[in-house]
C-alpha atoms as a PDB file:
ATOM      1  CA  MET A   1      -2.663 -23.478   5.721  1.00  0.00           C
ATOM      2  CA  SER A   2      -3.138 -20.201   3.916  1.00  0.00           C
ATOM      3  CA  VAL A   3      -0.064 -17.990   3.555  1.00  0.00           C
ATOM      4  CA  VAL A   4      -2.156 -14.908   2.736  1.00  0.00           C
ATOM      5  CA  GLU A   5      -4.843 -14.390   5.354  1.00  0.00           C
ATOM      6  CA  PHE A   6      -7.791 -12.034   4.967  1.00  0.00           C
ATOM      7  CA  LYS A   7     -10.247 -10.719   7.533  1.00  0.00           C
ATOM      8  CA  PHE A   8     -13.097  -8.304   6.929  1.00  0.00           C
ATOM      9  CA  GLU A   9     -15.050  -6.463   9.593  1.00  0.00           C
ATOM     10  CA  ASP A  10     -16.897  -3.150   9.753  1.00  0.00           C
ATOM     11  CA  SER A  11     -15.955  -2.254   6.159  1.00  0.00           C
ATOM     12  CA  VAL A  12     -12.206  -2.690   6.871  1.00  0.00           C
ATOM     13  CA  GLY A  13     -10.127  -5.445   5.302  1.00  0.00           C
ATOM     14  CA  LEU A  14      -6.944  -6.862   6.830  1.00  0.00           C
ATOM     15  CA  ILE A  15      -4.389  -8.781   4.774  1.00  0.00           C
ATOM     16  CA  THR A  16      -1.685 -10.665   6.684  1.00  0.00           C
ATOM     17  CA  ILE A  17       1.273 -12.246   4.899  1.00  0.00           C
ATOM     18  CA  ASN A  18       1.913 -15.380   6.964  1.00  0.00           C
ATOM     19  CA  LYS A  19       4.874 -17.239   5.499  1.00  0.00           C
ATOM     20  CA  PRO A  20       7.278 -18.167   8.318  1.00  0.00           C
ATOM     21  CA  PRO A  21      10.000 -17.561   9.128  1.00  0.00           C
ATOM     22  CA  VAL A  22      10.408 -14.214   7.300  1.00  0.00           C
ATOM     23  CA  ASN A  23       7.177 -13.733   5.295  1.00  0.00           C
ATOM     24  CA  ALA A  24       9.089 -13.919   2.014  1.00  0.00           C
ATOM     25  CA  LEU A  25       7.322 -13.300  -1.289  1.00  0.00           C
ATOM     26  CA  THR A  26       7.360 -16.928  -2.390  1.00  0.00           C
ATOM     27  CA  PRO A  27       5.456 -18.368  -5.379  1.00  0.00           C
ATOM     28  CA  ASP A  28       2.636 -19.604  -3.119  1.00  0.00           C
ATOM     29  CA  VAL A  29       2.314 -16.134  -1.574  1.00  0.00           C
ATOM     30  CA  ARG A  30       2.125 -14.720  -5.099  1.00  0.00           C
ATOM     31  CA  GLU A  31      -0.620 -17.117  -6.183  1.00  0.00           C
ATOM     32  CA  GLU A  32      -2.726 -16.591  -3.059  1.00  0.00           C
ATOM     33  CA  LEU A  33      -2.285 -12.824  -3.290  1.00  0.00           C
ATOM     34  CA  ILE A  34      -3.396 -12.874  -6.927  1.00  0.00           C
ATOM     35  CA  ALA A  35      -6.497 -14.883  -5.964  1.00  0.00           C
ATOM     36  CA  LEU A  36      -7.294 -12.527  -3.097  1.00  0.00           C
ATOM     37  CA  VAL A  37      -6.955  -9.468  -5.306  1.00  0.00           C
ATOM     38  CA  GLU A  38      -9.520 -10.978  -7.682  1.00  0.00           C
ATOM     39  CA  GLU A  39     -11.906 -11.351  -4.734  1.00  0.00           C
ATOM     40  CA  LEU A  40     -11.264  -7.802  -3.574  1.00  0.00           C
ATOM     41  CA  LYS A  41     -12.120  -6.448  -7.010  1.00  0.00           C
ATOM     42  CA  ASN A  42     -15.663  -7.727  -6.464  1.00  0.00           C
ATOM     43  CA  ASN A  43     -15.987  -6.609  -2.842  1.00  0.00           C
ATOM     44  CA  LYS A  44     -18.188  -3.522  -2.921  1.00  0.00           C
ATOM     45  CA  GLU A  45     -18.389  -3.220   0.875  1.00  0.00           C
ATOM     46  CA  ILE A  46     -14.726  -2.597   1.650  1.00  0.00           C
ATOM     47  CA  ARG A  47     -13.890   1.001   2.534  1.00  0.00           C
ATOM     48  CA  ALA A  48     -10.287   0.672   3.733  1.00  0.00           C
ATOM     49  CA  LEU A  49      -7.560  -1.981   3.694  1.00  0.00           C
ATOM     50  CA  VAL A  50      -4.607  -2.732   5.980  1.00  0.00           C
ATOM     51  CA  ILE A  51      -1.663  -4.929   4.975  1.00  0.00           C
ATOM     52  CA  THR A  52       0.763  -6.395   7.521  1.00  0.00           C
ATOM     53  CA  GLY A  53       3.019  -9.361   8.190  1.00  0.00           C
ATOM     54  CA  ALA A  54       2.529 -12.172  10.698  1.00  0.00           C
ATOM     55  CA  GLY A  55       4.648 -12.139  13.840  1.00  0.00           C
ATOM     56  CA  GLU A  56       6.438  -9.361  15.673  1.00  0.00           C
ATOM     57  CA  LYS A  57       9.671  -9.033  13.691  1.00  0.00           C
ATOM     58  CA  MET A  58       8.818  -9.349   9.998  1.00  0.00           C
ATOM     59  CA  PHE A  59       6.582  -7.334   7.708  1.00  0.00           C
ATOM     60  CA  VAL A  60       7.794  -8.901   4.459  1.00  0.00           C
ATOM     61  CA  ALA A  61      11.476  -9.749   4.212  1.00  0.00           C
ATOM     62  CA  GLY A  62      11.523  -9.623   0.420  1.00  0.00           C
ATOM     63  CA  ALA A  63      11.801 -12.002  -2.496  1.00  0.00           C
ATOM     64  CA  ASP A  64      12.342 -15.730  -2.174  1.00  0.00           C
ATOM     65  CA  ILE A  65      16.023 -15.963  -3.091  1.00  0.00           C
ATOM     66  CA  LYS A  66      15.775 -19.772  -3.199  1.00  0.00           C
ATOM     67  CA  ASP A  67      13.500 -19.359  -6.228  1.00  0.00           C
ATOM     68  CA  PHE A  68      16.101 -17.295  -8.116  1.00  0.00           C
ATOM     69  CA  PRO A  69      17.887 -20.250  -9.815  1.00  0.00           C
ATOM     70  CA  LYS A  70      14.556 -21.241 -11.373  1.00  0.00           C
ATOM     71  CA  GLN A  71      13.928 -17.658 -12.446  1.00  0.00           C
ATOM     72  CA  MET A  72      17.420 -17.415 -13.948  1.00  0.00           C
ATOM     73  CA  GLU A  73      16.579 -20.456 -16.043  1.00  0.00           C
ATOM     74  CA  GLU A  74      12.988 -19.653 -16.972  1.00  0.00           C
ATOM     75  CA  GLY A  75      13.033 -15.856 -16.713  1.00  0.00           C
ATOM     76  CA  PRO A  76      11.837 -13.536 -13.921  1.00  0.00           C
ATOM     77  CA  ARG A  77       8.932 -11.877 -15.715  1.00  0.00           C
ATOM     78  CA  PRO A  78       6.061 -14.227 -14.689  1.00  0.00           C
ATOM     79  CA  ASN A  79       6.910 -13.913 -10.981  1.00  0.00           C
ATOM     80  CA  ALA A  80       7.589 -10.164 -11.035  1.00  0.00           C
ATOM     81  CA  GLU A  81       4.579  -9.449 -13.203  1.00  0.00           C
ATOM     82  CA  GLY A  82       2.267 -11.350 -10.854  1.00  0.00           C
ATOM     83  CA  PHE A  83       3.384  -9.321  -7.849  1.00  0.00           C
ATOM     84  CA  GLN A  84       3.393  -6.072  -9.837  1.00  0.00           C
ATOM     85  CA  LYS A  85      -0.251  -6.565 -10.775  1.00  0.00           C
ATOM     86  CA  CYS A  86      -1.189  -7.137  -7.133  1.00  0.00           C
ATOM     87  CA  PHE A  87       0.765  -4.110  -5.953  1.00  0.00           C
ATOM     88  CA  GLY A  88      -0.781  -2.063  -8.752  1.00  0.00           C
ATOM     89  CA  PHE A  89      -4.225  -3.032  -7.490  1.00  0.00           C
ATOM     90  CA  PHE A  90      -3.399  -1.759  -3.995  1.00  0.00           C
ATOM     91  CA  GLU A  91      -2.033   1.467  -5.469  1.00  0.00           C
ATOM     92  CA  ASN A  92      -5.178   2.097  -7.491  1.00  0.00           C
ATOM     93  CA  ALA A  93      -7.883   0.527  -5.329  1.00  0.00           C
ATOM     94  CA  PRO A  94     -10.811   2.947  -4.829  1.00  0.00           C
ATOM     95  CA  TYR A  95     -10.167   3.214  -1.081  1.00  0.00           C
ATOM     96  CA  PRO A  96      -7.198   3.922   1.206  1.00  0.00           C
ATOM     97  CA  VAL A  97      -4.642   1.132   1.670  1.00  0.00           C
ATOM     98  CA  ILE A  98      -2.391   1.240   4.742  1.00  0.00           C
ATOM     99  CA  ALA A  99       0.856  -0.672   5.262  1.00  0.00           C
ATOM    100  CA  ALA A 100       1.314  -1.624   8.928  1.00  0.00           C
ATOM    101  CA  ILE A 101       5.072  -2.236   8.833  1.00  0.00           C
ATOM    102  CA  ASN A 102       5.586  -4.347  11.924  1.00  0.00           C
ATOM    103  CA  GLY A 103       9.240  -5.262  11.356  1.00  0.00           C
ATOM    104  CA  ILE A 104      11.737  -5.974   8.608  1.00  0.00           C
ATOM    105  CA  ALA A 105      10.578  -4.761   5.165  1.00  0.00           C
ATOM    106  CA  LEU A 106      13.380  -5.221   2.670  1.00  0.00           C
ATOM    107  CA  GLY A 107      13.320  -5.494  -1.100  1.00  0.00           C
ATOM    108  CA  GLY A 108       9.868  -6.706  -2.054  1.00  0.00           C
ATOM    109  CA  GLY A 109       8.599  -5.787   1.410  1.00  0.00           C
ATOM    110  CA  THR A 110       9.481  -2.142   0.866  1.00  0.00           C
ATOM    111  CA  GLU A 111       8.055  -2.372  -2.663  1.00  0.00           C
ATOM    112  CA  LEU A 112       4.766  -3.646  -1.234  1.00  0.00           C
ATOM    113  CA  ALA A 113       4.720  -0.810   1.299  1.00  0.00           C
ATOM    114  CA  LEU A 114       5.451   1.748  -1.432  1.00  0.00           C
ATOM    115  CA  ALA A 115       2.319   0.611  -3.283  1.00  0.00           C
ATOM    116  CA  CYS A 116       0.188   1.530  -0.255  1.00  0.00           C
ATOM    117  CA  ASP A 117      -1.243   5.001   0.329  1.00  0.00           C
ATOM    118  CA  ILE A 118      -0.170   5.265   3.961  1.00  0.00           C
ATOM    119  CA  ARG A 119       2.864   3.634   5.605  1.00  0.00           C
ATOM    120  CA  ILE A 120       2.965   3.342   9.396  1.00  0.00           C
ATOM    121  CA  ALA A 121       6.109   1.787  10.852  1.00  0.00           C
ATOM    122  CA  ASP A 122       6.959   0.103  14.134  1.00  0.00           C
ATOM    123  CA  GLU A 123       9.922   1.842  15.778  1.00  0.00           C
ATOM    124  CA  LYS A 124      11.972  -1.329  15.249  1.00  0.00           C
ATOM    125  CA  ALA A 125      11.102  -1.606  11.539  1.00  0.00           C
ATOM    126  CA  ARG A 126      13.760  -1.563   8.831  1.00  0.00           C
ATOM    127  CA  LEU A 127      13.132  -0.572   5.212  1.00  0.00           C
ATOM    128  CA  GLY A 128      15.242  -0.555   2.077  1.00  0.00           C
ATOM    129  CA  LEU A 129      15.922  -1.798  -1.416  1.00  0.00           C
ATOM    130  CA  PRO A 130      19.264  -3.626  -1.010  1.00  0.00           C
ATOM    131  CA  GLU A 131      19.028  -5.624  -4.253  1.00  0.00           C
ATOM    132  CA  VAL A 132      22.327  -4.186  -5.543  1.00  0.00           C
ATOM    133  CA  ASN A 133      24.113  -6.327  -2.953  1.00  0.00           C
ATOM    134  CA  LEU A 134      22.916  -9.409  -4.866  1.00  0.00           C
ATOM    135  CA  GLY A 135      23.717  -7.943  -8.258  1.00  0.00           C
ATOM    136  CA  LEU A 136      20.020  -7.218  -8.798  1.00  0.00           C
ATOM    137  CA  ILE A 137      17.645  -4.322  -9.250  1.00  0.00           C
ATOM    138  CA  PRO A 138      14.169  -3.979  -7.707  1.00  0.00           C
ATOM    139  CA  GLY A 139      11.587  -5.646  -9.920  1.00  0.00           C
ATOM    140  CA  LEU A 140       8.266  -5.097  -8.178  1.00  0.00           C
ATOM    141  CA  GLY A 141       7.998  -1.358  -8.759  1.00  0.00           C
ATOM    142  CA  GLY A 142      10.766  -0.177  -6.443  1.00  0.00           C
ATOM    143  CA  THR A 143      12.740   1.882  -8.946  1.00  0.00           C
ATOM    144  CA  GLN A 144       9.608   3.792  -9.906  1.00  0.00           C
ATOM    145  CA  ARG A 145       7.661   4.205  -6.680  1.00  0.00           C
ATOM    146  CA  MET A 146      10.670   5.009  -4.494  1.00  0.00           C
ATOM    147  CA  ALA A 147      11.580   7.912  -6.776  1.00  0.00           C
ATOM    148  CA  ARG A 148       8.008   9.175  -6.697  1.00  0.00           C
ATOM    149  CA  VAL A 149       7.858   9.016  -2.905  1.00  0.00           C
ATOM    150  CA  VAL A 150      11.275  10.367  -1.816  1.00  0.00           C
ATOM    151  CA  GLY A 151      12.454  12.057  -5.017  1.00  0.00           C
ATOM    152  CA  ALA A 152      14.775  10.848  -7.749  1.00  0.00           C
ATOM    153  CA  ALA A 153      18.032  12.001  -6.146  1.00  0.00           C
ATOM    154  CA  LYS A 154      17.373  10.297  -2.794  1.00  0.00           C
ATOM    155  CA  ALA A 155      16.051   7.172  -4.507  1.00  0.00           C
ATOM    156  CA  LYS A 156      19.248   6.849  -6.511  1.00  0.00           C
ATOM    157  CA  GLU A 157      21.341   7.162  -3.364  1.00  0.00           C
ATOM    158  CA  LEU A 158      19.294   4.508  -1.566  1.00  0.00           C
ATOM    159  CA  LEU A 159      19.370   2.054  -4.459  1.00  0.00           C
ATOM    160  CA  PHE A 160      23.004   2.613  -5.392  1.00  0.00           C
ATOM    161  CA  LEU A 161      24.111   2.000  -1.788  1.00  0.00           C
ATOM    162  CA  GLY A 162      21.557  -0.683  -1.010  1.00  0.00           C
ATOM    163  CA  SER A 163      20.763   1.254   2.160  1.00  0.00           C
ATOM    164  CA  VAL A 164      18.683  -0.232   4.958  1.00  0.00           C
ATOM    165  CA  LEU A 165      16.946   2.488   6.959  1.00  0.00           C
ATOM    166  CA  ARG A 166      15.756   2.546  10.520  1.00  0.00           C
ATOM    167  CA  ALA A 167      12.148   3.609  11.007  1.00  0.00           C
ATOM    168  CA  ASN A 168      13.026   7.145  12.106  1.00  0.00           C
ATOM    169  CA  GLU A 169      15.383   7.556   9.144  1.00  0.00           C
ATOM    170  CA  ALA A 170      12.578   6.470   6.832  1.00  0.00           C
ATOM    171  CA  LEU A 171      10.305   9.021   8.507  1.00  0.00           C
ATOM    172  CA  GLU A 172      12.815  11.817   7.970  1.00  0.00           C
ATOM    173  CA  ILE A 173      12.836  11.326   4.191  1.00  0.00           C
ATOM    174  CA  GLY A 174       9.088  10.771   3.869  1.00  0.00           C
ATOM    175  CA  LEU A 175       9.302   7.064   3.129  1.00  0.00           C
ATOM    176  CA  VAL A 176       6.906   6.382   6.016  1.00  0.00           C
ATOM    177  CA  HIS A 177       4.220   8.673   7.389  1.00  0.00           C
ATOM    178  CA  LYS A 178       4.400   7.755  11.049  1.00  0.00           C
ATOM    179  CA  VAL A 179       6.532   5.767  13.511  1.00  0.00           C
ATOM    180  CA  VAL A 180       4.829   4.214  16.535  1.00  0.00           C
ATOM    181  CA  PRO A 181       6.008   2.362  19.668  1.00  0.00           C
ATOM    182  CA  GLN A 182       6.956  -1.278  19.283  1.00  0.00           C
ATOM    183  CA  GLY A 183       3.974  -3.605  19.144  1.00  0.00           C
ATOM    184  CA  THR A 184       1.339  -0.938  18.411  1.00  0.00           C
ATOM    185  CA  VAL A 185       1.547  -0.537  14.639  1.00  0.00           C
ATOM    186  CA  LEU A 186      -1.374  -2.784  13.707  1.00  0.00           C
ATOM    187  CA  GLU A 187      -3.647  -1.109  16.247  1.00  0.00           C
ATOM    188  CA  GLU A 188      -2.622   2.297  14.920  1.00  0.00           C
ATOM    189  CA  ALA A 189      -3.248   1.245  11.318  1.00  0.00           C
ATOM    190  CA  MET A 190      -6.627  -0.320  12.103  1.00  0.00           C
ATOM    191  CA  ASN A 191      -7.765   2.797  13.983  1.00  0.00           C
ATOM    192  CA  MET A 192      -6.863   4.941  10.983  1.00  0.00           C
ATOM    193  CA  ALA A 193      -8.598   2.515   8.616  1.00  0.00           C
ATOM    194  CA  LYS A 194     -11.783   2.671  10.696  1.00  0.00           C
ATOM    195  CA  LYS A 195     -11.748   6.466  10.423  1.00  0.00           C
ATOM    196  CA  PHE A 196     -11.407   6.178   6.649  1.00  0.00           C
ATOM    197  CA  ALA A 197     -14.222   3.617   6.572  1.00  0.00           C
ATOM    198  CA  THR A 198     -16.713   6.053   8.117  1.00  0.00           C
ATOM    199  CA  SER A 199     -15.629   8.966   5.937  1.00  0.00           C
ATOM    200  CA  ALA A 200     -17.089   9.915   2.558  1.00  0.00           C
ATOM    201  CA  GLY A 201     -16.008   6.951   0.464  1.00  0.00           C
ATOM    202  CA  VAL A 202     -16.656   8.507  -2.916  1.00  0.00           C
ATOM    203  CA  ALA A 203     -14.602  11.580  -2.001  1.00  0.00           C
ATOM    204  CA  LEU A 204     -11.715   9.399  -0.788  1.00  0.00           C
ATOM    205  CA  ALA A 205     -11.801   7.366  -3.984  1.00  0.00           C
ATOM    206  CA  TYR A 206     -11.795  10.513  -6.125  1.00  0.00           C
ATOM    207  CA  ASP A 207      -8.995  12.081  -4.056  1.00  0.00           C
ATOM    208  CA  LYS A 208      -6.829   9.003  -4.559  1.00  0.00           C
ATOM    209  CA  LEU A 209      -7.561   8.702  -8.256  1.00  0.00           C
ATOM    210  CA  LEU A 210      -6.919  12.384  -8.946  1.00  0.00           C
ATOM    211  CA  ILE A 211      -3.597  12.424  -7.100  1.00  0.00           C
ATOM    212  CA  ASN A 212      -2.399   9.215  -8.773  1.00  0.00           C
ATOM    213  CA  LYS A 213      -3.507  10.175 -12.280  1.00  0.00           C
ATOM    214  CA  GLY A 214      -2.663  13.842 -11.943  1.00  0.00           C
ATOM    215  CA  LEU A 215       0.992  13.155 -11.206  1.00  0.00           C
ATOM    216  CA  GLU A 216       1.259  11.469 -14.594  1.00  0.00           C
ATOM    217  CA  MET A 217      -0.257  14.398 -16.504  1.00  0.00           C
ATOM    218  CA  PRO A 218       0.640  17.989 -17.388  1.00  0.00           C
ATOM    219  CA  LEU A 219      -0.792  20.364 -14.787  1.00  0.00           C
ATOM    220  CA  GLU A 220      -3.409  21.912 -17.079  1.00  0.00           C
ATOM    221  CA  GLU A 221      -4.773  18.488 -18.018  1.00  0.00           C
ATOM    222  CA  ALA A 222      -4.749  17.395 -14.383  1.00  0.00           C
ATOM    223  CA  LEU A 223      -6.689  20.485 -13.324  1.00  0.00           C
ATOM    224  CA  GLU A 224      -9.284  19.782 -16.002  1.00  0.00           C
ATOM    225  CA  LEU A 225      -9.538  16.198 -14.745  1.00  0.00           C
ATOM    226  CA  GLU A 226     -10.111  17.542 -11.239  1.00  0.00           C
ATOM    227  CA  LEU A 227     -12.947  19.765 -12.499  1.00  0.00           C
ATOM    228  CA  SER A 228     -14.617  16.812 -14.178  1.00  0.00           C
ATOM    229  CA  TYR A 229     -14.643  14.939 -10.857  1.00  0.00           C
ATOM    230  CA  VAL A 230     -15.938  17.991  -9.000  1.00  0.00           C
ATOM    231  CA  GLU A 231     -18.915  17.857 -11.360  1.00  0.00           C
ATOM    232  CA  LYS A 232     -19.364  14.146 -10.638  1.00  0.00           C
ATOM    233  CA  ILE A 233     -19.190  14.455  -6.869  1.00  0.00           C
ATOM    234  CA  PHE A 234     -21.871  17.148  -6.814  1.00  0.00           C
ATOM    235  CA  LYS A 235     -24.278  14.462  -8.078  1.00  0.00           C
ATOM    236  CA  THR A 236     -23.589  11.977  -5.259  1.00  0.00           C
ATOM    237  CA  GLU A 237     -25.687  11.084  -2.236  1.00  0.00           C
ATOM    238  CA  ASP A 238     -22.678  11.613   0.001  1.00  0.00           C
ATOM    239  CA  ILE A 239     -22.456  15.342  -0.724  1.00  0.00           C
ATOM    240  CA  LYS A 240     -26.147  15.744   0.017  1.00  0.00           C
ATOM    241  CA  GLU A 241     -25.656  13.941   3.317  1.00  0.00           C
ATOM    242  CA  GLY A 242     -22.532  15.916   4.199  1.00  0.00           C
ATOM    243  CA  VAL A 243     -24.118  19.286   3.505  1.00  0.00           C
ATOM    244  CA  ASP A 244     -27.338  18.407   5.340  1.00  0.00           C
ATOM    245  CA  ALA A 245     -25.374  17.153   8.355  1.00  0.00           C
ATOM    246  CA  PHE A 246     -23.308  20.340   8.430  1.00  0.00           C
ATOM    247  CA  ILE A 247     -26.366  22.614   8.226  1.00  0.00           C
ATOM    248  CA  ASN A 248     -28.254  20.660  10.884  1.00  0.00           C
ATOM    249  CA  LYS A 249     -25.203  20.274  13.137  1.00  0.00           C
ATOM    250  CA  ARG A 250     -25.256  16.457  13.252  1.00  0.00           C
ATOM    251  CA  PRO A 251     -22.714  13.750  12.393  1.00  0.00           C
ATOM    252  CA  ALA A 252     -22.788  12.734   8.757  1.00  0.00           C
ATOM    253  CA  VAL A 253     -23.577   9.118   7.888  1.00  0.00           C
ATOM    254  CA  PHE A 254     -22.048   8.509   4.481  1.00  0.00           C
ATOM    255  CA  LYS A 255     -23.267   5.660   2.266  1.00  0.00           C
ATOM    256  CA  ASN A 256     -20.404   5.629  -0.245  1.00  0.00           C
ATOM    257  CA  LYS A 257     -22.807   6.552  -3.037  1.00  0.00           C
END
């Protein structure tokens, strides 16, 4: 049985981590996720992606602590690097990626969510990076992405204390974008993904790239990068369709070209 399930319909992909009982990031999850990412790299039809966990209580509980003795003996880099590459793909994929946080998302679960563009949480969800309680630090991007999302000062507080946040607390600090009633998070995420899928795909891809890259650059260089992509987008079929639809007062049908 696959522990990383994938469905694709109407230009929207859905990844479900299905590793009972807590959807931990075990070695088999890592290997299947790596294989899936390689497939996604070649999927030219996908326009939006949703990631969630199987069941009603767990998004992704975090790392597989039972695998730690092996990692202490052989070193943690191969495991962490494998997950980091997958999370990096989600962060930089040329389409929106939404985390549908349907329950507990601790450690690696929060790190996976942080790599997504949009984070929607069930009202019963819990998020945090409590690695300090095991004498550890986050190793799947948590120290870097948390600081970029909530700010360095708040990130330090959360990591130093190993805080676990309720969904509304996560919303207050900008860790999640939206909190929804229990049991509705996947529906909410899929509805948003479908909206993205019918939008101007090239524009969404450029928006994402420019925000991600621009944050790493001095402002003047980032503004110049933006101008270069403005020039590119004026040569696309999507802008022609969008302008024609606006002038003729009809819905635009974008082709992602």
